[in-house]
Amino acid sequence: MNRYFAQGTLVLLLVAAAAALALHPTGVRGQATPPLPSTYTVKSEDTILSIAREICPPQATVNQMAMALVRANTEVFQPKSERRLPVGTTLTVPDLATIMKTGAAAAQRQFYDLWRAEQHYRAGLALERSKDMFYAFTSYVEAAKLGHGLAQLRLGQLYDSDMSGFVRRDLQESMRWYERARDQGVKIRNPGTRAPRGM
């Protein structure tokens, strides 16, 4: 009798525990998702990926969050100046629906293209500093094809007047790249300046 009573008591305890869990879940799934902030203020050492990781909602991937931030803040993230993401800049954080408009796979491809463009551009700067114009030019072209505004500007400058003598002057090609850079929001100041900052 005691054995049946003990078993019945155990069943009741299990049922009660299950009911308690249903009413007050302790797992992540049961917790309310914190609302997204409407803005984010850039801190020292912040990058687009670190910001995306910090504020990414659980429904989205980091790449989806990053691409949504880029689109919501084109004036900040568009590579049109050497100094990007200055500390104290206020970024607009899009809502969840906007973040999820781009699928995870598409966001991954798009962010990879942005990353590749930046790497090609920085490689071009380093190669040009070391006087390796053949590979510097190739790196700028690869970055420019991926939509990197500063790489497009540099190609415009090189076709306009390459002081190293590697690129033959071609004003039509120069204007084409200047226009593409301008379309990206890059300010074309003083075409006589032939080298980007840091050269």
N, C-alpha and C. Protein backbone atom coordinates (compact mmCIF):
# COMPACT_ATOMS: atom_id res chain seq x y z
N MET A 1 0.84 -1.21 0.00
CA MET A 1 0.00 0.00 0.00
C MET A 1 0.86 1.25 0.00
N ASN A 2 1.91 1.19 0.89
CA ASN A 2 2.82 2.33 0.95
C ASN A 2 3.50 2.55 -0.39
N ARG A 3 3.81 1.43 -1.11
CA ARG A 3 4.50 1.55 -2.40
C ARG A 3 3.61 2.27 -3.39
N TYR A 4 2.31 1.90 -3.48
CA TYR A 4 1.38 2.56 -4.40
C TYR A 4 1.16 4.02 -4.04
N PHE A 5 1.12 4.28 -2.70
CA PHE A 5 0.93 5.66 -2.26
C PHE A 5 2.13 6.52 -2.68
N ALA A 6 3.33 5.95 -2.52
CA ALA A 6 4.55 6.68 -2.88
C ALA A 6 4.59 6.96 -4.37
N GLN A 7 4.18 5.94 -5.17
CA GLN A 7 4.17 6.14 -6.62
C GLN A 7 3.16 7.22 -7.02
N GLY A 8 1.99 7.20 -6.38
CA GLY A 8 0.97 8.19 -6.68
C GLY A 8 1.43 9.57 -6.30
N THR A 9 2.11 9.67 -5.17
CA THR A 9 2.64 10.97 -4.74
C THR A 9 3.66 11.50 -5.73
N LEU A 10 4.54 10.60 -6.22
CA LEU A 10 5.56 11.00 -7.19
C LEU A 10 4.93 11.52 -8.48
N VAL A 11 3.88 10.82 -8.94
CA VAL A 11 3.19 11.26 -10.15
C VAL A 11 2.61 12.65 -9.96
N LEU A 12 1.98 12.88 -8.81
CA LEU A 12 1.38 14.19 -8.53
C LEU A 12 2.45 15.28 -8.51
N LEU A 13 3.60 14.96 -7.92
CA LEU A 13 4.69 15.93 -7.85
C LEU A 13 5.21 16.28 -9.25
N LEU A 14 5.31 15.25 -10.10
CA LEU A 14 5.77 15.48 -11.46
C LEU A 14 4.79 16.34 -12.24
N VAL A 15 3.49 16.05 -12.06
CA VAL A 15 2.47 16.85 -12.75
C VAL A 15 2.53 18.29 -12.29
N ALA A 16 2.69 18.48 -10.98
CA ALA A 16 2.75 19.84 -10.44
C ALA A 16 3.98 20.58 -10.96
N ALA A 17 5.10 19.85 -11.05
CA ALA A 17 6.32 20.48 -11.56
C ALA A 17 6.16 20.88 -13.01
N ALA A 18 5.51 20.00 -13.80
CA ALA A 18 5.30 20.31 -15.21
C ALA A 18 4.39 21.52 -15.37
N ALA A 19 3.37 21.61 -14.53
CA ALA A 19 2.47 22.75 -14.59
C ALA A 19 3.20 24.04 -14.22
N ALA A 20 4.09 23.95 -13.23
CA ALA A 20 4.85 25.13 -12.82
C ALA A 20 5.76 25.60 -13.94
N LEU A 21 6.38 24.63 -14.61
CA LEU A 21 7.27 24.99 -15.72
C LEU A 21 6.49 25.63 -16.87
N ALA A 22 5.28 25.13 -17.09
CA ALA A 22 4.47 25.69 -18.18
C ALA A 22 4.08 27.13 -17.88
N LEU A 23 3.81 27.40 -16.59
CA LEU A 23 3.40 28.76 -16.22
C LEU A 23 4.59 29.70 -16.10
N HIS A 24 5.74 29.20 -15.68
CA HIS A 24 6.93 30.02 -15.46
C HIS A 24 8.15 29.33 -16.07
N PRO A 25 8.25 29.28 -17.37
CA PRO A 25 9.35 28.57 -18.02
C PRO A 25 10.69 29.20 -17.66
N THR A 26 11.69 28.34 -17.48
CA THR A 26 13.02 28.82 -17.10
C THR A 26 13.99 28.79 -18.26
N GLY A 27 13.63 28.15 -19.37
CA GLY A 27 14.54 28.08 -20.51
C GLY A 27 14.52 29.35 -21.32
N VAL A 28 15.47 29.45 -22.27
CA VAL A 28 15.59 30.63 -23.11
C VAL A 28 14.34 30.86 -23.94
N ARG A 29 13.73 29.77 -24.41
CA ARG A 29 12.56 29.92 -25.28
C ARG A 29 11.42 30.62 -24.58
N GLY A 30 11.33 30.43 -23.25
CA GLY A 30 10.21 31.01 -22.54
C GLY A 30 10.44 32.47 -22.16
N GLN A 31 11.70 32.93 -22.29
CA GLN A 31 12.00 34.29 -21.90
C GLN A 31 11.58 35.27 -22.99
N ALA A 32 11.08 36.41 -22.57
CA ALA A 32 10.68 37.42 -23.54
C ALA A 32 11.91 38.00 -24.22
N THR A 33 11.83 38.17 -25.53
CA THR A 33 12.94 38.76 -26.27
C THR A 33 13.02 40.25 -25.96
N PRO A 34 14.18 40.73 -25.50
CA PRO A 34 14.28 42.16 -25.19
C PRO A 34 14.11 42.98 -26.45
N PRO A 35 13.47 44.13 -26.36
CA PRO A 35 13.25 44.96 -27.55
C PRO A 35 14.57 45.48 -28.10
N LEU A 36 14.62 45.66 -29.42
CA LEU A 36 15.80 46.22 -30.05
C LEU A 36 15.92 47.71 -29.70
N PRO A 37 17.12 48.19 -29.46
CA PRO A 37 17.26 49.64 -29.27
C PRO A 37 16.98 50.35 -30.59
N SER A 38 16.57 51.59 -30.52
CA SER A 38 16.30 52.35 -31.75
C SER A 38 17.57 52.95 -32.32
N THR A 39 18.58 53.14 -31.44
CA THR A 39 19.86 53.69 -31.88
C THR A 39 21.00 52.98 -31.16
N TYR A 40 22.19 53.14 -31.71
CA TYR A 40 23.40 52.59 -31.07
C TYR A 40 24.50 53.63 -31.23
N THR A 41 25.22 53.90 -30.15
CA THR A 41 26.33 54.85 -30.19
C THR A 41 27.65 54.10 -30.29
N VAL A 42 28.41 54.42 -31.32
CA VAL A 42 29.66 53.70 -31.59
C VAL A 42 30.67 53.96 -30.47
N LYS A 43 31.28 52.85 -30.00
CA LYS A 43 32.31 52.92 -28.97
C LYS A 43 33.68 52.66 -29.59
N SER A 44 34.70 52.90 -28.81
CA SER A 44 36.06 52.65 -29.27
C SER A 44 36.23 51.18 -29.65
N GLU A 45 36.90 50.93 -30.76
CA GLU A 45 37.18 49.58 -31.25
C GLU A 45 35.96 48.87 -31.83
N ASP A 46 34.83 49.54 -31.93
CA ASP A 46 33.65 48.91 -32.53
C ASP A 46 33.89 48.64 -34.01
N THR A 47 33.34 47.52 -34.49
CA THR A 47 33.29 47.22 -35.92
C THR A 47 31.84 46.88 -36.24
N ILE A 48 31.53 46.79 -37.51
CA ILE A 48 30.17 46.44 -37.89
C ILE A 48 29.78 45.08 -37.32
N LEU A 49 30.72 44.13 -37.33
CA LEU A 49 30.40 42.79 -36.82
C LEU A 49 30.23 42.80 -35.30
N SER A 50 31.08 43.52 -34.59
CA SER A 50 30.95 43.54 -33.13
C SER A 50 29.63 44.20 -32.71
N ILE A 51 29.23 45.24 -33.43
CA ILE A 51 27.96 45.89 -33.12
C ILE A 51 26.80 44.95 -33.43
N ALA A 52 26.88 44.28 -34.59
CA ALA A 52 25.81 43.35 -34.97
C ALA A 52 25.67 42.23 -33.94
N ARG A 53 26.79 41.70 -33.48
CA ARG A 53 26.75 40.63 -32.48
C ARG A 53 26.12 41.11 -31.18
N GLU A 54 26.42 42.34 -30.81
CA GLU A 54 25.93 42.87 -29.53
C GLU A 54 24.43 43.07 -29.51
N ILE A 55 23.85 43.51 -30.63
CA ILE A 55 22.43 43.85 -30.62
C ILE A 55 21.57 42.89 -31.45
N CYS A 56 22.16 41.86 -32.00
CA CYS A 56 21.42 40.95 -32.88
C CYS A 56 20.29 40.23 -32.14
N PRO A 57 19.06 40.30 -32.64
CA PRO A 57 17.96 39.55 -32.01
C PRO A 57 18.13 38.06 -32.27
N PRO A 58 17.58 37.21 -31.41
CA PRO A 58 17.77 35.76 -31.56
C PRO A 58 17.18 35.19 -32.84
N GLN A 59 16.22 35.88 -33.44
CA GLN A 59 15.60 35.37 -34.67
C GLN A 59 16.49 35.56 -35.90
N ALA A 60 17.49 36.41 -35.82
CA ALA A 60 18.30 36.75 -36.98
C ALA A 60 19.72 36.24 -36.82
N THR A 61 20.44 36.18 -37.96
CA THR A 61 21.87 35.87 -37.92
C THR A 61 22.64 37.19 -37.77
N VAL A 62 23.90 37.07 -37.39
CA VAL A 62 24.74 38.25 -37.26
C VAL A 62 24.88 38.95 -38.62
N ASN A 63 24.98 38.16 -39.70
CA ASN A 63 25.09 38.75 -41.03
C ASN A 63 23.83 39.53 -41.41
N GLN A 64 22.65 39.00 -41.07
CA GLN A 64 21.41 39.72 -41.34
C GLN A 64 21.39 41.05 -40.58
N MET A 65 21.81 40.99 -39.32
CA MET A 65 21.85 42.21 -38.51
C MET A 65 22.84 43.21 -39.09
N ALA A 66 24.02 42.72 -39.49
CA ALA A 66 25.06 43.61 -40.04
C ALA A 66 24.59 44.29 -41.32
N MET A 67 24.00 43.52 -42.23
CA MET A 67 23.56 44.10 -43.49
C MET A 67 22.41 45.10 -43.28
N ALA A 68 21.53 44.81 -42.32
CA ALA A 68 20.44 45.75 -42.02
C ALA A 68 21.01 47.05 -41.46
N LEU A 69 22.04 46.96 -40.63
CA LEU A 69 22.69 48.16 -40.10
C LEU A 69 23.34 48.98 -41.21
N VAL A 70 24.00 48.28 -42.13
CA VAL A 70 24.65 48.97 -43.24
C VAL A 70 23.63 49.73 -44.07
N ARG A 71 22.51 49.08 -44.38
CA ARG A 71 21.48 49.72 -45.21
C ARG A 71 20.79 50.88 -44.49
N ALA A 72 20.67 50.76 -43.18
CA ALA A 72 20.01 51.82 -42.41
C ALA A 72 20.94 53.00 -42.14
N ASN A 73 22.24 52.81 -42.38
CA ASN A 73 23.22 53.85 -42.07
C ASN A 73 24.24 53.98 -43.19
N THR A 74 23.75 54.13 -44.42
CA THR A 74 24.66 54.16 -45.57
C THR A 74 25.66 55.30 -45.49
N GLU A 75 25.27 56.41 -44.88
CA GLU A 75 26.18 57.55 -44.78
C GLU A 75 27.38 57.23 -43.90
N VAL A 76 27.21 56.28 -42.99
CA VAL A 76 28.30 55.92 -42.07
C VAL A 76 29.14 54.78 -42.63
N PHE A 77 28.46 53.75 -43.14
CA PHE A 77 29.18 52.54 -43.52
C PHE A 77 29.71 52.54 -44.95
N GLN A 78 29.20 53.42 -45.80
CA GLN A 78 29.71 53.45 -47.16
C GLN A 78 31.19 53.85 -47.13
N PRO A 79 32.07 53.02 -47.73
CA PRO A 79 33.50 53.35 -47.68
C PRO A 79 33.83 54.54 -48.56
N LYS A 80 33.65 55.72 -48.03
CA LYS A 80 33.91 56.93 -48.81
C LYS A 80 34.95 57.82 -48.16
N SER A 81 35.44 57.41 -47.02
CA SER A 81 36.54 58.12 -46.38
C SER A 81 37.40 57.12 -45.62
N GLU A 82 38.64 57.47 -45.39
CA GLU A 82 39.54 56.55 -44.71
C GLU A 82 39.12 56.31 -43.26
N ARG A 83 38.52 57.31 -42.65
CA ARG A 83 38.13 57.20 -41.25
C ARG A 83 36.66 56.80 -41.17
N ARG A 84 36.43 55.56 -40.78
CA ARG A 84 35.05 55.08 -40.71
C ARG A 84 34.70 54.68 -39.28
N LEU A 85 33.43 54.69 -38.96
CA LEU A 85 32.92 54.38 -37.63
C LEU A 85 33.60 55.21 -36.54
N PRO A 86 33.58 56.53 -36.62
CA PRO A 86 34.17 57.34 -35.55
C PRO A 86 33.41 57.16 -34.25
N VAL A 87 34.12 57.16 -33.14
CA VAL A 87 33.52 57.01 -31.82
C VAL A 87 32.50 58.12 -31.60
N GLY A 88 31.36 57.74 -31.03
CA GLY A 88 30.31 58.71 -30.75
C GLY A 88 29.26 58.82 -31.83
N THR A 89 29.49 58.18 -33.00
CA THR A 89 28.51 58.21 -34.07
C THR A 89 27.24 57.48 -33.63
N THR A 90 26.09 58.07 -33.90
CA THR A 90 24.82 57.44 -33.56
C THR A 90 24.28 56.70 -34.78
N LEU A 91 24.10 55.40 -34.63
CA LEU A 91 23.57 54.56 -35.71
C LEU A 91 22.08 54.31 -35.49
N THR A 92 21.34 54.26 -36.58
CA THR A 92 19.94 53.86 -36.52
C THR A 92 19.86 52.35 -36.54
N VAL A 93 19.12 51.78 -35.61
CA VAL A 93 18.94 50.33 -35.56
C VAL A 93 17.57 50.00 -36.16
N PRO A 94 17.54 49.23 -37.25
CA PRO A 94 16.27 48.89 -37.89
C PRO A 94 15.45 47.93 -37.04
N ASP A 95 14.15 47.86 -37.34
CA ASP A 95 13.29 46.95 -36.58
C ASP A 95 13.46 45.52 -37.09
N LEU A 96 12.86 44.59 -36.37
CA LEU A 96 13.04 43.17 -36.67
C LEU A 96 12.55 42.82 -38.08
N ALA A 97 11.42 43.38 -38.48
CA ALA A 97 10.88 43.07 -39.81
C ALA A 97 11.87 43.48 -40.90
N THR A 98 12.50 44.62 -40.72
CA THR A 98 13.49 45.08 -41.70
C THR A 98 14.71 44.18 -41.71
N ILE A 99 15.14 43.78 -40.54
CA ILE A 99 16.32 42.90 -40.43
C ILE A 99 16.06 41.59 -41.16
N MET A 100 14.85 41.05 -41.02
CA MET A 100 14.53 39.73 -41.56
C MET A 100 14.16 39.76 -43.04
N LYS A 101 14.09 40.94 -43.64
CA LYS A 101 13.73 41.03 -45.07
C LYS A 101 14.75 40.32 -45.94
N THR A 102 16.01 40.37 -45.55
CA THR A 102 17.06 39.68 -46.29
C THR A 102 17.29 38.33 -45.66
N GLY A 103 17.18 37.27 -46.45
CA GLY A 103 17.38 35.93 -45.92
C GLY A 103 18.80 35.73 -45.42
N ALA A 104 18.96 34.71 -44.58
CA ALA A 104 20.26 34.45 -43.97
C ALA A 104 21.34 34.17 -45.01
N ALA A 105 21.02 33.36 -46.02
CA ALA A 105 22.01 33.01 -47.05
C ALA A 105 22.40 34.24 -47.87
N ALA A 106 21.42 35.05 -48.25
CA ALA A 106 21.70 36.26 -49.03
C ALA A 106 22.53 37.24 -48.22
N ALA A 107 22.20 37.40 -46.94
CA ALA A 107 22.95 38.32 -46.08
C ALA A 107 24.40 37.86 -45.93
N GLN A 108 24.60 36.55 -45.85
CA GLN A 108 25.96 36.03 -45.75
C GLN A 108 26.77 36.36 -47.00
N ARG A 109 26.17 36.18 -48.17
CA ARG A 109 26.87 36.50 -49.42
C ARG A 109 27.18 37.99 -49.51
N GLN A 110 26.21 38.81 -49.17
CA GLN A 110 26.38 40.26 -49.28
C GLN A 110 27.45 40.77 -48.32
N PHE A 111 27.44 40.25 -47.11
CA PHE A 111 28.45 40.70 -46.16
C PHE A 111 29.84 40.22 -46.56
N TYR A 112 29.90 39.02 -47.13
CA TYR A 112 31.19 38.51 -47.60
C TYR A 112 31.74 39.40 -48.70
N ASP A 113 30.88 39.88 -49.59
CA ASP A 113 31.33 40.78 -50.66
C ASP A 113 31.86 42.10 -50.08
N LEU A 114 31.17 42.63 -49.07
CA LEU A 114 31.65 43.85 -48.42
C LEU A 114 33.02 43.64 -47.81
N TRP A 115 33.16 42.52 -47.13
CA TRP A 115 34.43 42.20 -46.47
C TRP A 115 35.54 42.04 -47.51
N ARG A 116 35.25 41.32 -48.59
CA ARG A 116 36.27 41.12 -49.63
C ARG A 116 36.69 42.44 -50.25
N ALA A 117 35.72 43.32 -50.51
CA ALA A 117 36.04 44.61 -51.11
C ALA A 117 36.99 45.40 -50.21
N GLU A 118 36.70 45.40 -48.92
CA GLU A 118 37.57 46.13 -47.99
C GLU A 118 38.97 45.53 -47.94
N GLN A 119 39.05 44.20 -47.94
CA GLN A 119 40.36 43.55 -47.91
C GLN A 119 41.17 43.85 -49.17
N HIS A 120 40.51 43.82 -50.32
CA HIS A 120 41.21 44.14 -51.57
C HIS A 120 41.72 45.58 -51.55
N TYR A 121 40.88 46.49 -51.06
CA TYR A 121 41.29 47.89 -51.04
C TYR A 121 42.49 48.10 -50.13
N ARG A 122 42.45 47.52 -48.95
CA ARG A 122 43.56 47.68 -48.01
C ARG A 122 44.83 47.03 -48.54
N ALA A 123 44.67 45.91 -49.23
CA ALA A 123 45.83 45.27 -49.86
C ALA A 123 46.42 46.19 -50.92
N GLY A 124 45.55 46.84 -51.70
CA GLY A 124 46.01 47.78 -52.72
C GLY A 124 46.81 48.91 -52.12
N LEU A 125 46.33 49.47 -51.00
CA LEU A 125 47.07 50.55 -50.34
C LEU A 125 48.46 50.08 -49.92
N ALA A 126 48.52 48.90 -49.29
CA ALA A 126 49.80 48.39 -48.82
C ALA A 126 50.75 48.11 -49.98
N LEU A 127 50.23 47.53 -51.05
CA LEU A 127 51.07 47.23 -52.21
C LEU A 127 51.56 48.49 -52.90
N GLU A 128 50.69 49.51 -52.96
CA GLU A 128 51.12 50.76 -53.59
C GLU A 128 52.21 51.43 -52.75
N ARG A 129 52.07 51.34 -51.43
CA ARG A 129 53.11 51.91 -50.57
C ARG A 129 54.45 51.22 -50.80
N SER A 130 54.40 49.92 -51.11
CA SER A 130 55.64 49.18 -51.34
C SER A 130 56.10 49.25 -52.80
N LYS A 131 55.43 50.10 -53.60
CA LYS A 131 55.78 50.35 -55.00
C LYS A 131 55.48 49.17 -55.93
N ASP A 132 54.62 48.27 -55.48
CA ASP A 132 54.24 47.14 -56.32
C ASP A 132 52.94 47.51 -57.04
N MET A 133 53.05 48.30 -58.08
CA MET A 133 51.87 48.86 -58.73
C MET A 133 51.05 47.82 -59.49
N PHE A 134 51.69 46.78 -59.99
CA PHE A 134 50.93 45.78 -60.74
C PHE A 134 49.86 45.14 -59.85
N TYR A 135 50.28 44.66 -58.68
CA TYR A 135 49.31 43.99 -57.80
C TYR A 135 48.44 45.00 -57.06
N ALA A 136 48.96 46.21 -56.84
CA ALA A 136 48.13 47.25 -56.23
C ALA A 136 46.96 47.58 -57.14
N PHE A 137 47.26 47.77 -58.41
CA PHE A 137 46.21 48.09 -59.39
C PHE A 137 45.19 46.96 -59.47
N THR A 138 45.67 45.73 -59.49
CA THR A 138 44.77 44.57 -59.54
C THR A 138 43.86 44.54 -58.32
N SER A 139 44.41 44.84 -57.15
CA SER A 139 43.61 44.84 -55.92
C SER A 139 42.55 45.94 -55.95
N TYR A 140 42.92 47.11 -56.44
CA TYR A 140 41.95 48.20 -56.54
C TYR A 140 40.81 47.83 -57.49
N VAL A 141 41.14 47.19 -58.59
CA VAL A 141 40.11 46.79 -59.55
C VAL A 141 39.14 45.81 -58.92
N GLU A 142 39.68 44.81 -58.20
CA GLU A 142 38.81 43.83 -57.55
C GLU A 142 37.89 44.49 -56.53
N ALA A 143 38.44 45.41 -55.74
CA ALA A 143 37.62 46.12 -54.75
C ALA A 143 36.57 46.99 -55.43
N ALA A 144 36.97 47.67 -56.50
CA ALA A 144 36.06 48.58 -57.21
C ALA A 144 34.90 47.81 -57.83
N LYS A 145 35.17 46.64 -58.37
CA LYS A 145 34.11 45.82 -58.98
C LYS A 145 33.07 45.40 -57.94
N LEU A 146 33.51 45.28 -56.68
CA LEU A 146 32.60 44.91 -55.60
C LEU A 146 31.90 46.13 -55.00
N GLY A 147 32.14 47.31 -55.60
CA GLY A 147 31.42 48.50 -55.16
C GLY A 147 32.12 49.35 -54.11
N HIS A 148 33.43 49.15 -53.93
CA HIS A 148 34.16 49.92 -52.92
C HIS A 148 34.44 51.32 -53.46
N GLY A 149 33.81 52.34 -52.84
CA GLY A 149 33.91 53.70 -53.35
C GLY A 149 35.32 54.26 -53.38
N LEU A 150 36.11 53.99 -52.35
CA LEU A 150 37.46 54.53 -52.32
C LEU A 150 38.36 53.87 -53.36
N ALA A 151 38.13 52.59 -53.63
CA ALA A 151 38.89 51.92 -54.68
C ALA A 151 38.54 52.50 -56.04
N GLN A 152 37.26 52.79 -56.24
CA GLN A 152 36.83 53.42 -57.50
C GLN A 152 37.46 54.79 -57.66
N LEU A 153 37.52 55.55 -56.58
CA LEU A 153 38.17 56.85 -56.61
C LEU A 153 39.65 56.70 -56.98
N ARG A 154 40.31 55.73 -56.37
CA ARG A 154 41.74 55.56 -56.65
C ARG A 154 41.98 55.18 -58.10
N LEU A 155 41.13 54.36 -58.68
CA LEU A 155 41.28 54.03 -60.09
C LEU A 155 41.10 55.27 -60.96
N GLY A 156 40.12 56.12 -60.59
CA GLY A 156 39.94 57.37 -61.33
C GLY A 156 41.20 58.21 -61.28
N GLN A 157 41.83 58.28 -60.11
CA GLN A 157 43.06 59.06 -59.97
C GLN A 157 44.20 58.46 -60.79
N LEU A 158 44.31 57.14 -60.77
CA LEU A 158 45.41 56.49 -61.49
C LEU A 158 45.26 56.66 -63.00
N TYR A 159 44.03 56.50 -63.49
CA TYR A 159 43.81 56.68 -64.93
C TYR A 159 43.96 58.15 -65.34
N ASP A 160 43.70 59.04 -64.39
CA ASP A 160 43.85 60.46 -64.66
C ASP A 160 45.33 60.82 -64.81
N SER A 161 46.11 60.40 -63.83
CA SER A 161 47.55 60.69 -63.90
C SER A 161 48.27 59.86 -62.86
N ASP A 162 48.80 58.72 -63.28
CA ASP A 162 49.56 57.85 -62.39
C ASP A 162 51.01 58.30 -62.38
N MET A 163 51.45 58.84 -61.25
CA MET A 163 52.80 59.37 -61.14
C MET A 163 53.86 58.28 -61.26
N SER A 164 53.47 57.03 -61.00
CA SER A 164 54.46 55.95 -61.10
C SER A 164 54.71 55.56 -62.56
N GLY A 165 53.79 55.95 -63.44
CA GLY A 165 53.93 55.61 -64.84
C GLY A 165 53.42 54.23 -65.20
N PHE A 166 52.83 53.51 -64.23
CA PHE A 166 52.36 52.16 -64.51
C PHE A 166 51.07 52.18 -65.33
N VAL A 167 50.15 53.07 -64.99
CA VAL A 167 48.85 53.12 -65.67
C VAL A 167 48.90 54.19 -66.76
N ARG A 168 48.58 53.79 -67.97
CA ARG A 168 48.55 54.75 -69.07
C ARG A 168 47.36 55.68 -68.91
N ARG A 169 47.56 56.95 -69.16
CA ARG A 169 46.49 57.92 -68.96
C ARG A 169 45.33 57.66 -69.90
N ASP A 170 44.12 57.65 -69.32
CA ASP A 170 42.90 57.40 -70.08
C ASP A 170 41.79 58.22 -69.41
N LEU A 171 41.53 59.40 -69.94
CA LEU A 171 40.57 60.31 -69.29
C LEU A 171 39.16 59.74 -69.28
N GLN A 172 38.80 59.00 -70.33
CA GLN A 172 37.46 58.42 -70.37
C GLN A 172 37.29 57.38 -69.26
N GLU A 173 38.30 56.53 -69.09
CA GLU A 173 38.25 55.53 -68.03
C GLU A 173 38.31 56.20 -66.66
N SER A 174 39.11 57.26 -66.58
CA SER A 174 39.20 58.00 -65.32
C SER A 174 37.84 58.56 -64.91
N MET A 175 37.14 59.19 -65.87
CA MET A 175 35.83 59.76 -65.57
C MET A 175 34.82 58.69 -65.20
N ARG A 176 34.94 57.52 -65.83
CA ARG A 176 34.01 56.42 -65.53
C ARG A 176 34.14 56.01 -64.06
N TRP A 177 35.37 55.88 -63.59
CA TRP A 177 35.57 55.47 -62.20
C TRP A 177 35.24 56.59 -61.22
N TYR A 178 35.54 57.83 -61.61
CA TYR A 178 35.14 58.96 -60.76
C TYR A 178 33.63 59.00 -60.58
N GLU A 179 32.90 58.77 -61.67
CA GLU A 179 31.44 58.79 -61.60
C GLU A 179 30.91 57.66 -60.72
N ARG A 180 31.50 56.49 -60.84
CA ARG A 180 31.06 55.37 -60.01
C ARG A 180 31.33 55.66 -58.54
N ALA A 181 32.49 56.27 -58.25
CA ALA A 181 32.80 56.63 -56.86
C ALA A 181 31.82 57.68 -56.35
N ARG A 182 31.51 58.66 -57.21
CA ARG A 182 30.57 59.71 -56.82
C ARG A 182 29.19 59.12 -56.54
N ASP A 183 28.79 58.13 -57.32
CA ASP A 183 27.51 57.45 -57.10
C ASP A 183 27.45 56.76 -55.75
N GLN A 184 28.62 56.39 -55.24
CA GLN A 184 28.69 55.74 -53.93
C GLN A 184 28.72 56.76 -52.79
N GLY A 185 28.72 58.05 -53.15
CA GLY A 185 28.75 59.08 -52.12
C GLY A 185 30.12 59.62 -51.82
N VAL A 186 31.13 59.19 -52.59
CA VAL A 186 32.50 59.67 -52.38
C VAL A 186 32.62 61.07 -52.96
N LYS A 187 33.16 61.98 -52.17
CA LYS A 187 33.37 63.34 -52.65
C LYS A 187 34.64 63.40 -53.49
N ILE A 188 34.52 63.88 -54.70
CA ILE A 188 35.67 63.99 -55.59
C ILE A 188 36.21 65.40 -55.45
N ARG A 189 37.15 65.55 -54.55
CA ARG A 189 37.76 66.86 -54.34
C ARG A 189 39.12 66.92 -55.02
N ASN A 190 39.42 68.03 -55.59
CA ASN A 190 40.74 68.29 -56.12
C ASN A 190 41.31 67.11 -56.88
N PRO A 191 40.89 66.86 -58.12
CA PRO A 191 41.39 65.73 -58.89
C PRO A 191 42.90 65.72 -59.03
N GLY A 192 43.57 66.81 -58.70
CA GLY A 192 45.02 66.83 -58.78
C GLY A 192 45.70 66.05 -57.68
N THR A 193 44.92 65.68 -56.64
CA THR A 193 45.50 64.87 -55.58
C THR A 193 45.54 63.42 -56.04
N ARG A 194 46.70 62.87 -56.23
CA ARG A 194 46.84 61.57 -56.88
C ARG A 194 46.98 60.38 -55.95
N ALA A 195 47.06 60.60 -54.67
CA ALA A 195 47.25 59.46 -53.79
C ALA A 195 46.32 59.58 -52.59
N PRO A 196 45.76 58.45 -52.13
CA PRO A 196 44.90 58.48 -50.95
C PRO A 196 45.73 58.75 -49.72
N ARG A 197 45.05 59.13 -48.65
CA ARG A 197 45.77 59.37 -47.41
C ARG A 197 46.48 58.10 -46.96
N GLY A 198 47.64 58.27 -46.39
CA GLY A 198 48.41 57.12 -45.93
C GLY A 198 49.42 56.65 -46.93
N MET A 199 49.38 57.22 -48.15
CA MET A 199 50.34 56.79 -49.17
C MET A 199 51.64 57.56 -48.99
